[in-house]
Amino acid sequence: MATHRKTRKNSELKALNLSFHKFIDVERMQRLTSIAILRRHWHDIVGNMMAERCEPIAIEPQPDGSLGLIIAVNHSVIADMIRLEFHENIRKACFSRCKLQGLSKVWTRVQPAAGIREEKKDIIINDLACSDLRLLAQSIQDVKDKPLRREIFRAALAQLKFTSIKKEL
C-alpha cells in the first residue's frame, strides 16, 4: 500500500526588514543602531587609553523616559574613575559625537576582557617608482624557475632600495 507524503508549498522570499520588525520593535532597533555608532566613535569619546579598558555594551530605557548607558570595564578602578569623574564628560561627548539624546545615567559593569583595541595600520611607503620595478621585472623575465626568479627580484629590489637610501644621505 503506497502512502502519499504531504508536501508543503514553496516558501516565498520576503524582505529582511519585514522579518526584523516581528522580533525587534522600532525603538529597540534605534538603540541597537545607537550602540553601533557609539562603538565606532568610542576612541574619540573617551580616548585611546580608556577605550582599550572599557566599551559600551547596552543602552537601556529608564522609567522616566531617559536612557542609561552601560559600560563594561576590565578593572574596578576604571569603573570608579568613570563613576566619580568621567560620567558627565562621557554623556556630553555621546551627545556631541553621536547625537545620542536623552542619555542621563552611566553605569559600569566589570568584565575581564572589556575594551576596544585600536587596529594599528602599517604605513607602506613605496619610495621606488613603478617604472623602476617594471624594468627590473622585465630584466629577469627570462628566468624560467619561478622561486629563483622571485628571489632574484627580491635581492635586486633590496639593492635598489639601498642605493636610493644612500643617494638621499
Protein backbone atom coordinates (compact mmCIF):
# COMPACT_ATOMS: atom_id res chain seq x y z
CA MET A 1 0.00 0.00 0.00
CA ALA A 2 1.53 3.22 -1.12
CA THR A 3 1.32 6.23 1.14
CA HIS A 4 1.47 9.69 -0.23
CA ARG A 5 3.58 12.20 1.64
CA LYS A 6 2.17 15.59 2.31
CA THR A 7 4.20 18.25 0.61
CA ARG A 8 4.41 21.83 1.66
CA LYS A 9 4.22 24.86 -0.57
CA ASN A 10 7.38 26.51 -1.76
CA SER A 11 8.26 29.34 0.56
CA GLU A 12 8.19 32.85 -0.76
CA LEU A 13 11.00 35.27 -0.16
CA LYS A 14 10.20 38.32 1.94
CA ALA A 15 12.16 41.45 2.65
CA LEU A 16 14.54 41.06 5.58
CA ASN A 17 13.48 44.26 7.31
CA LEU A 18 9.89 42.98 7.49
CA SER A 19 11.08 39.94 9.41
CA PHE A 20 13.12 42.01 11.86
CA HIS A 21 10.10 44.08 12.83
CA LYS A 22 8.38 40.93 14.06
CA PHE A 23 11.17 40.33 16.57
CA ILE A 24 12.56 43.79 17.24
CA ASP A 25 10.43 46.89 17.60
CA VAL A 26 11.49 50.24 16.16
CA GLU A 27 12.71 51.62 19.48
CA ARG A 28 14.92 48.59 20.11
CA MET A 29 16.32 48.84 16.58
CA GLN A 30 17.20 52.51 17.17
CA ARG A 31 19.01 51.58 20.40
CA LEU A 32 21.00 48.87 18.58
CA THR A 33 21.93 51.38 15.87
CA SER A 34 22.94 53.92 18.53
CA ILE A 35 25.20 51.43 20.30
CA ALA A 36 26.86 50.56 16.98
CA ILE A 37 27.54 54.24 16.28
CA LEU A 38 28.78 54.69 19.83
CA ARG A 39 31.22 51.78 19.49
CA ARG A 40 32.53 53.21 16.21
CA HIS A 41 33.31 56.59 17.84
CA TRP A 42 34.34 55.22 21.26
CA HIS A 43 38.05 56.07 20.84
CA ASP A 44 37.11 59.70 20.13
CA ILE A 45 34.70 59.87 23.06
CA VAL A 46 36.86 58.51 25.89
CA GLY A 47 40.37 58.50 24.42
CA ASN A 48 42.63 55.63 23.39
CA MET A 49 43.80 54.68 26.88
CA MET A 50 40.28 54.39 28.30
CA ALA A 51 38.87 52.79 25.12
CA GLU A 52 41.30 49.89 25.48
CA ARG A 53 39.97 49.28 29.00
CA CYS A 54 36.23 49.86 28.60
CA GLU A 55 33.47 49.60 25.99
CA PRO A 56 29.76 50.44 25.72
CA ILE A 57 27.61 47.33 25.82
CA ALA A 58 23.98 48.48 26.11
CA ILE A 59 21.62 51.41 26.11
CA GLU A 60 18.68 50.84 28.46
CA PRO A 61 15.45 52.90 28.68
CA GLN A 62 14.70 54.36 32.10
CA PRO A 63 11.28 54.67 33.76
CA ASP A 64 11.41 58.47 33.43
CA GLY A 65 11.81 58.23 29.63
CA SER A 66 15.57 58.90 29.51
CA LEU A 67 18.29 56.46 28.53
CA GLY A 68 21.07 54.82 30.52
CA LEU A 69 24.41 53.66 29.14
CA ILE A 70 26.05 50.50 30.47
CA ILE A 71 29.83 50.41 30.06
CA ALA A 72 31.87 47.23 30.52
CA VAL A 73 35.24 47.84 32.18
CA ASN A 74 38.15 45.45 32.70
CA HIS A 75 39.05 46.65 36.22
CA SER A 76 37.16 48.07 39.17
CA VAL A 77 39.49 51.09 39.34
CA ILE A 78 38.38 52.11 35.84
CA ALA A 79 34.76 51.71 36.97
CA ASP A 80 35.40 54.05 39.89
CA MET A 81 37.09 56.60 37.61
CA ILE A 82 34.11 56.62 35.26
CA ARG A 83 31.56 56.76 38.07
CA LEU A 84 33.31 59.52 40.03
CA GLU A 85 34.90 61.70 37.35
CA PHE A 86 34.10 60.93 33.73
CA HIS A 87 30.40 60.05 33.57
CA GLU A 88 29.32 63.62 32.81
CA ASN A 89 32.04 64.05 30.15
CA ILE A 90 31.05 60.74 28.53
CA ARG A 91 27.40 61.82 28.48
CA LYS A 92 28.24 65.13 26.81
CA ALA A 93 30.63 63.51 24.32
CA CYS A 94 27.99 60.91 23.37
CA PHE A 95 25.63 63.75 22.53
CA SER A 96 28.16 65.85 20.62
CA ARG A 97 29.81 62.99 18.67
CA CYS A 98 26.92 60.57 18.13
CA LYS A 99 23.86 62.80 18.62
CA LEU A 100 22.63 60.44 21.33
CA GLN A 101 19.87 62.39 23.08
CA GLY A 102 18.29 61.67 26.44
CA LEU A 103 21.29 59.93 27.98
CA SER A 104 21.03 60.65 31.70
CA LYS A 105 22.81 57.84 33.52
CA VAL A 106 26.05 55.91 33.03
CA TRP A 107 26.64 52.56 34.75
CA THR A 108 29.66 50.32 34.76
CA ARG A 109 29.98 46.54 34.83
CA VAL A 110 33.28 44.74 35.41
CA GLN A 111 34.11 42.25 32.64
CA PRO A 112 37.69 40.93 32.38
CA ALA A 113 38.07 41.17 28.60
CA ALA A 114 36.39 44.55 28.12
CA GLY A 115 37.85 47.16 25.81
CA ILE A 116 38.06 48.04 22.15
CA ARG A 117 41.57 47.65 20.78
CA GLU A 118 42.54 50.09 18.07
CA GLU A 119 43.81 48.49 14.92
CA LYS A 120 47.26 49.73 14.06
CA LYS A 121 47.68 50.22 10.36
CA ASP A 122 51.12 49.81 8.91
CA ILE A 123 52.09 52.61 6.58
CA ILE A 124 53.62 51.24 3.43
CA ILE A 125 55.99 53.65 1.80
CA ASN A 126 56.98 52.73 -1.71
CA ASP A 127 59.86 55.03 -2.49
CA LEU A 128 60.65 53.29 -5.79
CA ALA A 129 58.95 54.34 -8.97
CA CYS A 130 56.74 51.85 -10.79
CA SER A 131 58.86 52.28 -13.90
CA ASP A 132 61.94 51.04 -11.97
CA LEU A 133 60.02 48.00 -10.78
CA ARG A 134 58.76 47.30 -14.29
CA LEU A 135 62.29 47.48 -15.72
CA LEU A 136 63.52 45.14 -13.00
CA ALA A 137 60.75 42.63 -13.71
CA GLN A 138 61.42 42.78 -17.46
CA SER A 139 65.12 42.19 -16.92
CA ILE A 140 64.54 38.89 -15.10
CA GLN A 141 61.57 37.58 -17.08
CA ASP A 142 63.79 35.10 -18.98
CA VAL A 143 64.48 33.10 -15.79
CA LYS A 144 62.16 30.07 -16.01
CA ASP A 145 62.48 28.83 -12.41
CA LYS A 146 59.79 30.76 -10.52
CA PRO A 147 61.29 30.55 -6.97
CA LEU A 148 64.67 31.60 -8.32
CA ARG A 149 63.10 34.49 -10.25
CA ARG A 150 61.27 35.62 -7.10
CA GLU A 151 64.48 35.61 -5.05
CA ILE A 152 66.39 37.47 -7.77
CA PHE A 153 63.62 40.08 -7.81
CA ARG A 154 63.74 40.47 -4.01
CA ALA A 155 67.51 40.81 -3.98
CA ALA A 156 67.53 43.35 -6.80
CA LEU A 157 64.69 45.27 -5.11
CA ALA A 158 66.66 45.40 -1.86
CA GLN A 159 69.67 46.67 -3.79
CA LEU A 160 67.57 49.39 -5.44
CA LYS A 161 66.18 50.50 -2.08
CA PHE A 162 69.66 50.54 -0.56
CA THR A 163 71.07 52.68 -3.35
CA SER A 164 68.10 55.07 -3.18
CA ILE A 165 68.61 55.49 0.58
CA LYS A 166 72.32 56.06 0.05
CA LYS A 167 71.57 58.78 -2.53
CA GLU A 168 69.30 60.58 -0.03
CA LEU A 169 72.10 60.69 2.56
